[in-house]
Amino acid sequence: MAQINAILVPVDGSENSDRAVKHALGLVAAGPAAELHLLNVQPSFGGAISTFVGRDQIDSYRREEGNKCLASAVALAKAASVPAKVHIGVGRQGEVVRDYAKKLGADLVVMGTRGHTGLGGVLLGSVAQDVIAHSHVPVTLVK
């Protein structure tokens, strides 16, 4: 296996993303990865919300929600004695993951999937499909 300098794992606090974190931790333990980055992507709010809610409140809310979503992934990394760098992004998942992968020099994105395929995946707007469509590095999906 080629040397992987960094792995980016988008997480949302679900069992599916925890499985992806465990897979990434296995890669780090096996030696091919040097850094583990955990990313939670918060949605952007429309102009109507920002008209009534201050920027500081929105930023605080995103940090709080992002940290909640990152908590189980951070705990898994800590239990495995693997240092993980945490990030909270804002926007469309695929685009944010692509931008962070580039910014961080990630060679691989590892993410969980809920297993929606075919017509169900198309109708539901799969986050995994969005990430794959925008990513310029390999994406490993963990079911």
N, C-alpha and C. Protein backbone atom coordinates (compact mmCIF):
# COMPACT_ATOMS: atom_id res chain seq x y z
N MET A 1 0.85 -1.18 0.00
CA MET A 1 0.00 0.00 0.00
C MET A 1 0.89 1.24 0.00
N ALA A 2 0.52 2.21 -0.79
CA ALA A 2 1.27 3.45 -0.88
C ALA A 2 1.14 4.25 0.41
N GLN A 3 2.15 5.06 0.66
CA GLN A 3 2.12 5.92 1.85
C GLN A 3 0.97 6.92 1.73
N ILE A 4 0.20 7.02 2.78
CA ILE A 4 -0.89 8.00 2.86
C ILE A 4 -0.47 9.03 3.90
N ASN A 5 -0.36 10.27 3.46
CA ASN A 5 0.07 11.32 4.39
C ASN A 5 -1.03 11.75 5.34
N ALA A 6 -2.26 11.76 4.85
CA ALA A 6 -3.37 12.21 5.69
C ALA A 6 -4.67 11.59 5.21
N ILE A 7 -5.52 11.26 6.18
CA ILE A 7 -6.86 10.75 5.90
C ILE A 7 -7.86 11.76 6.45
N LEU A 8 -8.85 12.08 5.64
CA LEU A 8 -9.94 12.96 6.06
C LEU A 8 -11.19 12.12 6.24
N VAL A 9 -11.81 12.21 7.42
CA VAL A 9 -13.03 11.47 7.69
C VAL A 9 -14.15 12.45 8.02
N PRO A 10 -15.10 12.63 7.09
CA PRO A 10 -16.27 13.45 7.41
C PRO A 10 -17.16 12.68 8.39
N VAL A 11 -17.57 13.32 9.46
CA VAL A 11 -18.37 12.64 10.48
C VAL A 11 -19.61 13.44 10.84
N ASP A 12 -20.65 12.71 11.26
CA ASP A 12 -21.88 13.37 11.69
C ASP A 12 -22.38 12.84 13.03
N GLY A 13 -21.57 12.04 13.71
CA GLY A 13 -21.96 11.50 15.01
C GLY A 13 -22.77 10.22 14.93
N SER A 14 -23.03 9.73 13.73
CA SER A 14 -23.85 8.52 13.57
C SER A 14 -22.99 7.26 13.71
N GLU A 15 -23.66 6.12 13.85
CA GLU A 15 -22.95 4.84 13.88
C GLU A 15 -22.19 4.62 12.58
N ASN A 16 -22.76 5.08 11.47
CA ASN A 16 -22.11 4.92 10.18
C ASN A 16 -20.79 5.69 10.13
N SER A 17 -20.78 6.90 10.62
CA SER A 17 -19.53 7.66 10.59
C SER A 17 -18.53 7.10 11.61
N ASP A 18 -19.03 6.57 12.72
CA ASP A 18 -18.12 5.93 13.68
C ASP A 18 -17.43 4.71 13.06
N ARG A 19 -18.16 3.95 12.24
CA ARG A 19 -17.54 2.82 11.54
C ARG A 19 -16.44 3.30 10.60
N ALA A 20 -16.67 4.43 9.94
CA ALA A 20 -15.65 4.99 9.05
C ALA A 20 -14.42 5.42 9.85
N VAL A 21 -14.64 6.02 11.01
CA VAL A 21 -13.53 6.43 11.87
C VAL A 21 -12.73 5.20 12.29
N LYS A 22 -13.42 4.12 12.68
CA LYS A 22 -12.72 2.89 13.08
C LYS A 22 -11.89 2.34 11.93
N HIS A 23 -12.43 2.40 10.71
CA HIS A 23 -11.68 1.94 9.54
C HIS A 23 -10.44 2.80 9.35
N ALA A 24 -10.59 4.11 9.43
CA ALA A 24 -9.45 5.02 9.29
C ALA A 24 -8.42 4.79 10.39
N LEU A 25 -8.88 4.54 11.60
CA LEU A 25 -7.95 4.26 12.71
C LEU A 25 -7.16 2.98 12.43
N GLY A 26 -7.82 2.00 11.80
CA GLY A 26 -7.12 0.77 11.41
C GLY A 26 -6.02 1.06 10.40
N LEU A 27 -6.30 1.95 9.47
CA LEU A 27 -5.28 2.33 8.48
C LEU A 27 -4.10 3.04 9.15
N VAL A 28 -4.41 3.91 10.09
CA VAL A 28 -3.35 4.61 10.81
C VAL A 28 -2.52 3.62 11.61
N ALA A 29 -3.18 2.68 12.29
CA ALA A 29 -2.48 1.68 13.10
C ALA A 29 -1.61 0.77 12.24
N ALA A 30 -2.05 0.50 11.01
CA ALA A 30 -1.30 -0.36 10.10
C ALA A 30 -0.08 0.37 9.53
N GLY A 31 -0.02 1.68 9.72
CA GLY A 31 1.15 2.42 9.33
C GLY A 31 1.11 3.23 8.06
N PRO A 32 0.11 3.06 7.19
CA PRO A 32 0.20 3.82 5.95
C PRO A 32 -0.25 5.28 6.05
N ALA A 33 -0.82 5.70 7.17
CA ALA A 33 -1.31 7.08 7.27
C ALA A 33 -0.59 7.82 8.39
N ALA A 34 -0.23 9.05 8.13
CA ALA A 34 0.49 9.84 9.11
C ALA A 34 -0.43 10.71 9.95
N GLU A 35 -1.51 11.25 9.35
CA GLU A 35 -2.40 12.16 10.07
C GLU A 35 -3.85 11.75 9.89
N LEU A 36 -4.63 11.97 10.93
CA LEU A 36 -6.07 11.73 10.87
C LEU A 36 -6.78 13.06 11.10
N HIS A 37 -7.64 13.42 10.15
CA HIS A 37 -8.43 14.64 10.25
C HIS A 37 -9.90 14.26 10.30
N LEU A 38 -10.62 14.81 11.27
CA LEU A 38 -12.06 14.58 11.41
C LEU A 38 -12.77 15.88 11.07
N LEU A 39 -13.76 15.78 10.19
CA LEU A 39 -14.46 16.97 9.71
C LEU A 39 -15.96 16.81 9.87
N ASN A 40 -16.59 17.80 10.48
CA ASN A 40 -18.04 17.86 10.48
C ASN A 40 -18.44 19.05 9.63
N VAL A 41 -19.43 18.84 8.78
CA VAL A 41 -19.90 19.91 7.91
C VAL A 41 -21.28 20.36 8.38
N GLN A 42 -21.36 21.61 8.75
CA GLN A 42 -22.62 22.21 9.18
C GLN A 42 -23.28 22.89 7.98
N PRO A 43 -24.61 22.88 7.95
CA PRO A 43 -25.30 23.52 6.82
C PRO A 43 -25.16 25.04 6.87
N SER A 44 -25.18 25.64 5.71
CA SER A 44 -25.21 27.10 5.67
C SER A 44 -26.66 27.54 5.82
N PHE A 45 -26.87 28.66 6.45
CA PHE A 45 -28.22 29.16 6.65
C PHE A 45 -28.54 30.22 5.61
N GLY A 46 -29.78 30.27 5.20
CA GLY A 46 -30.21 31.27 4.23
C GLY A 46 -30.19 32.66 4.82
N GLY A 47 -30.32 33.61 3.96
CA GLY A 47 -30.29 35.01 4.37
C GLY A 47 -31.36 35.38 5.36
N ALA A 48 -32.51 34.70 5.32
CA ALA A 48 -33.60 35.04 6.22
C ALA A 48 -33.20 34.81 7.68
N ILE A 49 -32.51 33.74 7.95
CA ILE A 49 -32.10 33.45 9.33
C ILE A 49 -31.07 34.48 9.79
N SER A 50 -30.09 34.78 8.94
CA SER A 50 -29.05 35.73 9.35
C SER A 50 -29.59 37.15 9.51
N THR A 51 -30.78 37.40 8.99
CA THR A 51 -31.42 38.70 9.19
C THR A 51 -31.87 38.85 10.64
N PHE A 52 -32.29 37.73 11.24
CA PHE A 52 -32.85 37.77 12.60
C PHE A 52 -31.90 37.29 13.68
N VAL A 53 -30.87 36.56 13.29
CA VAL A 53 -29.93 36.01 14.26
C VAL A 53 -28.54 36.54 13.95
N GLY A 54 -27.84 37.00 14.97
CA GLY A 54 -26.52 37.59 14.78
C GLY A 54 -25.47 36.57 14.36
N ARG A 55 -24.45 37.05 13.68
CA ARG A 55 -23.36 36.19 13.17
C ARG A 55 -22.69 35.43 14.30
N ASP A 56 -22.46 36.08 15.43
CA ASP A 56 -21.82 35.41 16.57
C ASP A 56 -22.66 34.25 17.08
N GLN A 57 -23.98 34.45 17.13
CA GLN A 57 -24.87 33.38 17.58
C GLN A 57 -24.85 32.21 16.60
N ILE A 58 -24.86 32.51 15.32
CA ILE A 58 -24.81 31.45 14.30
C ILE A 58 -23.50 30.68 14.39
N ASP A 59 -22.39 31.39 14.52
CA ASP A 59 -21.08 30.74 14.64
C ASP A 59 -21.00 29.88 15.89
N SER A 60 -21.52 30.40 16.99
CA SER A 60 -21.53 29.65 18.25
C SER A 60 -22.38 28.39 18.12
N TYR A 61 -23.54 28.51 17.48
CA TYR A 61 -24.42 27.36 17.26
C TYR A 61 -23.71 26.30 16.42
N ARG A 62 -23.05 26.73 15.35
CA ARG A 62 -22.35 25.78 14.47
C ARG A 62 -21.22 25.07 15.22
N ARG A 63 -20.48 25.82 16.03
CA ARG A 63 -19.40 25.20 16.81
C ARG A 63 -19.97 24.16 17.78
N GLU A 64 -21.04 24.53 18.46
CA GLU A 64 -21.66 23.63 19.43
C GLU A 64 -22.17 22.36 18.76
N GLU A 65 -22.91 22.53 17.66
CA GLU A 65 -23.45 21.37 16.93
C GLU A 65 -22.32 20.55 16.30
N GLY A 66 -21.33 21.21 15.75
CA GLY A 66 -20.20 20.52 15.15
C GLY A 66 -19.45 19.69 16.17
N ASN A 67 -19.22 20.26 17.34
CA ASN A 67 -18.52 19.52 18.40
C ASN A 67 -19.33 18.33 18.88
N LYS A 68 -20.66 18.46 18.93
CA LYS A 68 -21.51 17.31 19.30
C LYS A 68 -21.33 16.19 18.28
N CYS A 69 -21.32 16.56 17.00
CA CYS A 69 -21.19 15.56 15.94
C CYS A 69 -19.80 14.93 15.91
N LEU A 70 -18.80 15.65 16.35
CA LEU A 70 -17.43 15.15 16.37
C LEU A 70 -17.11 14.33 17.62
N ALA A 71 -17.92 14.44 18.66
CA ALA A 71 -17.59 13.86 19.97
C ALA A 71 -17.28 12.37 19.93
N SER A 72 -18.12 11.57 19.29
CA SER A 72 -17.87 10.12 19.30
C SER A 72 -16.63 9.77 18.50
N ALA A 73 -16.38 10.49 17.40
CA ALA A 73 -15.19 10.23 16.58
C ALA A 73 -13.92 10.59 17.36
N VAL A 74 -13.96 11.71 18.06
CA VAL A 74 -12.82 12.13 18.88
C VAL A 74 -12.57 11.11 19.99
N ALA A 75 -13.63 10.61 20.61
CA ALA A 75 -13.49 9.60 21.66
C ALA A 75 -12.87 8.31 21.12
N LEU A 76 -13.29 7.90 19.92
CA LEU A 76 -12.71 6.70 19.30
C LEU A 76 -11.23 6.88 19.04
N ALA A 77 -10.85 8.03 18.52
CA ALA A 77 -9.44 8.30 18.23
C ALA A 77 -8.63 8.33 19.53
N LYS A 78 -9.19 8.95 20.55
CA LYS A 78 -8.50 9.03 21.84
C LYS A 78 -8.30 7.64 22.44
N ALA A 79 -9.35 6.81 22.36
CA ALA A 79 -9.26 5.44 22.89
C ALA A 79 -8.21 4.62 22.14
N ALA A 80 -7.99 4.94 20.87
CA ALA A 80 -6.99 4.24 20.07
C ALA A 80 -5.61 4.90 20.17
N SER A 81 -5.50 5.94 21.00
CA SER A 81 -4.26 6.71 21.17
C SER A 81 -3.74 7.28 19.85
N VAL A 82 -4.68 7.71 19.01
CA VAL A 82 -4.32 8.34 17.73
C VAL A 82 -4.71 9.81 17.81
N PRO A 83 -3.74 10.69 17.65
CA PRO A 83 -4.09 12.11 17.65
C PRO A 83 -4.91 12.45 16.41
N ALA A 84 -5.99 13.15 16.60
CA ALA A 84 -6.86 13.55 15.48
C ALA A 84 -7.04 15.05 15.51
N LYS A 85 -6.96 15.64 14.34
CA LYS A 85 -7.21 17.07 14.21
C LYS A 85 -8.66 17.23 13.81
N VAL A 86 -9.38 18.12 14.48
CA VAL A 86 -10.80 18.30 14.22
C VAL A 86 -11.06 19.61 13.49
N HIS A 87 -12.06 19.55 12.62
CA HIS A 87 -12.43 20.70 11.80
C HIS A 87 -13.94 20.77 11.70
N ILE A 88 -14.46 21.99 11.63
CA ILE A 88 -15.88 22.20 11.38
C ILE A 88 -15.99 23.11 10.16
N GLY A 89 -16.63 22.59 9.13
CA GLY A 89 -16.83 23.35 7.91
C GLY A 89 -18.29 23.74 7.77
N VAL A 90 -18.56 24.64 6.83
CA VAL A 90 -19.93 25.10 6.60
C VAL A 90 -20.20 25.09 5.11
N GLY A 91 -21.33 24.50 4.72
CA GLY A 91 -21.73 24.51 3.32
C GLY A 91 -22.21 23.16 2.84
N ARG A 92 -22.14 22.96 1.54
CA ARG A 92 -22.54 21.70 0.93
C ARG A 92 -21.45 20.66 1.18
N GLN A 93 -21.86 19.47 1.67
CA GLN A 93 -20.90 18.47 2.13
C GLN A 93 -19.83 18.15 1.10
N GLY A 94 -20.21 17.82 -0.12
CA GLY A 94 -19.24 17.42 -1.12
C GLY A 94 -18.20 18.49 -1.39
N GLU A 95 -18.65 19.71 -1.50
CA GLU A 95 -17.74 20.82 -1.78
C GLU A 95 -16.82 21.11 -0.60
N VAL A 96 -17.38 21.06 0.60
CA VAL A 96 -16.58 21.34 1.80
C VAL A 96 -15.54 20.24 2.00
N VAL A 97 -15.94 18.98 1.81
CA VAL A 97 -14.99 17.86 1.95
C VAL A 97 -13.87 18.01 0.92
N ARG A 98 -14.22 18.31 -0.32
CA ARG A 98 -13.22 18.52 -1.37
C ARG A 98 -12.24 19.62 -0.97
N ASP A 99 -12.78 20.75 -0.51
CA ASP A 99 -11.93 21.89 -0.15
C ASP A 99 -11.00 21.55 1.02
N TYR A 100 -11.53 20.86 2.03
CA TYR A 100 -10.70 20.48 3.18
C TYR A 100 -9.65 19.46 2.78
N ALA A 101 -10.01 18.50 1.93
CA ALA A 101 -9.04 17.50 1.48
C ALA A 101 -7.86 18.19 0.80
N LYS A 102 -8.17 19.16 -0.03
CA LYS A 102 -7.11 19.89 -0.73
C LYS A 102 -6.29 20.73 0.25
N LYS A 103 -6.97 21.47 1.11
CA LYS A 103 -6.30 22.36 2.07
C LYS A 103 -5.39 21.58 3.02
N LEU A 104 -5.83 20.38 3.43
CA LEU A 104 -5.09 19.58 4.41
C LEU A 104 -4.09 18.63 3.77
N GLY A 105 -4.12 18.53 2.45
CA GLY A 105 -3.23 17.58 1.76
C GLY A 105 -3.63 16.14 1.99
N ALA A 106 -4.91 15.89 2.16
CA ALA A 106 -5.39 14.52 2.38
C ALA A 106 -5.25 13.69 1.10
N ASP A 107 -4.81 12.47 1.27
CA ASP A 107 -4.66 11.54 0.15
C ASP A 107 -5.85 10.60 0.03
N LEU A 108 -6.70 10.59 1.05
CA LEU A 108 -7.82 9.65 1.09
C LEU A 108 -8.94 10.24 1.94
N VAL A 109 -10.17 10.05 1.48
CA VAL A 109 -11.35 10.38 2.27
C VAL A 109 -12.01 9.06 2.64
N VAL A 110 -12.30 8.88 3.92
CA VAL A 110 -13.00 7.68 4.38
C VAL A 110 -14.29 8.14 5.02
N MET A 111 -15.41 7.60 4.53
CA MET A 111 -16.68 8.03 5.10
C MET A 111 -17.67 6.90 5.19
N GLY A 112 -18.57 7.02 6.13
CA GLY A 112 -19.63 6.04 6.30
C GLY A 112 -20.75 6.31 5.32
N THR A 113 -21.50 5.26 5.03
CA THR A 113 -22.65 5.39 4.16
C THR A 113 -23.83 4.67 4.81
N ARG A 114 -24.99 5.17 4.55
CA ARG A 114 -26.18 4.55 5.11
C ARG A 114 -26.66 3.41 4.23
N GLY A 115 -26.02 3.22 3.10
CA GLY A 115 -26.34 2.08 2.25
C GLY A 115 -27.47 2.30 1.27
N HIS A 116 -27.92 3.55 1.08
CA HIS A 116 -28.95 3.82 0.08
C HIS A 116 -28.32 3.67 -1.30
N THR A 117 -28.91 2.85 -2.12
CA THR A 117 -28.36 2.65 -3.46
C THR A 117 -29.47 2.80 -4.48
N GLY A 118 -29.07 2.83 -5.73
CA GLY A 118 -30.04 2.87 -6.82
C GLY A 118 -30.95 4.06 -6.71
N LEU A 119 -32.23 3.83 -6.99
CA LEU A 119 -33.22 4.90 -7.00
C LEU A 119 -33.33 5.57 -5.64
N GLY A 120 -33.25 4.78 -4.57
CA GLY A 120 -33.33 5.35 -3.22
C GLY A 120 -32.23 6.36 -2.98
N GLY A 121 -31.00 6.04 -3.40
CA GLY A 121 -29.88 6.95 -3.23
C GLY A 121 -30.06 8.23 -4.03
N VAL A 122 -30.58 8.09 -5.24
CA VAL A 122 -30.81 9.27 -6.08
C VAL A 122 -31.88 10.15 -5.47
N LEU A 123 -32.98 9.55 -5.04
CA LEU A 123 -34.09 10.33 -4.49
C LEU A 123 -33.73 10.99 -3.16
N LEU A 124 -32.90 10.32 -2.38
CA LEU A 124 -32.56 10.85 -1.07
C LEU A 124 -31.40 11.84 -1.11
N GLY A 125 -30.73 11.96 -2.25
CA GLY A 125 -29.61 12.90 -2.33
C GLY A 125 -28.47 12.48 -1.45
N SER A 126 -27.87 11.37 -1.73
CA SER A 126 -26.83 10.79 -0.90
C SER A 126 -25.64 11.73 -0.69
N VAL A 127 -25.25 11.90 0.56
CA VAL A 127 -24.08 12.69 0.90
C VAL A 127 -22.83 12.03 0.30
N ALA A 128 -22.78 10.70 0.37
CA ALA A 128 -21.63 9.99 -0.20
C ALA A 128 -21.50 10.27 -1.69
N GLN A 129 -22.60 10.28 -2.40
CA GLN A 129 -22.55 10.58 -3.83
C GLN A 129 -22.07 12.00 -4.06
N ASP A 130 -22.47 12.92 -3.23
CA ASP A 130 -22.04 14.31 -3.33
C ASP A 130 -20.53 14.42 -3.13
N VAL A 131 -20.02 13.73 -2.12
CA VAL A 131 -18.59 13.77 -1.84
C VAL A 131 -17.81 13.15 -2.99
N ILE A 132 -18.26 12.00 -3.46
CA ILE A 132 -17.57 11.32 -4.58
C ILE A 132 -17.55 12.22 -5.81
N ALA A 133 -18.66 12.89 -6.08
CA ALA A 133 -18.75 13.75 -7.26
C ALA A 133 -17.77 14.93 -7.20
N HIS A 134 -17.44 15.39 -6.00
CA HIS A 134 -16.59 16.57 -5.87
C HIS A 134 -15.13 16.26 -5.50
N SER A 135 -14.87 15.07 -5.00
CA SER A 135 -13.54 14.74 -4.50
C SER A 135 -12.53 14.53 -5.63
N HIS A 136 -11.31 14.99 -5.37
CA HIS A 136 -10.21 14.79 -6.31
C HIS A 136 -9.23 13.75 -5.78
N VAL A 137 -9.57 13.13 -4.65
CA VAL A 137 -8.75 12.05 -4.09
C VAL A 137 -9.65 10.83 -3.91
N PRO A 138 -9.06 9.64 -3.77
CA PRO A 138 -9.90 8.44 -3.58
C PRO A 138 -10.80 8.56 -2.35
N VAL A 139 -11.98 7.98 -2.47
CA VAL A 139 -12.96 7.96 -1.39
C VAL A 139 -13.26 6.50 -1.05
N THR A 140 -13.08 6.13 0.20
CA THR A 140 -13.43 4.79 0.66
C THR A 140 -14.73 4.91 1.43
N LEU A 141 -15.74 4.15 1.00
CA LEU A 141 -17.02 4.13 1.69
C LEU A 141 -17.09 2.92 2.60
N VAL A 142 -17.49 3.15 3.84
CA VAL A 142 -17.61 2.09 4.83
C VAL A 142 -19.07 1.93 5.18
N LYS A 143 -19.57 0.73 4.98
CA LYS A 143 -20.98 0.47 5.24
C LYS A 143 -21.19 -0.10 6.62
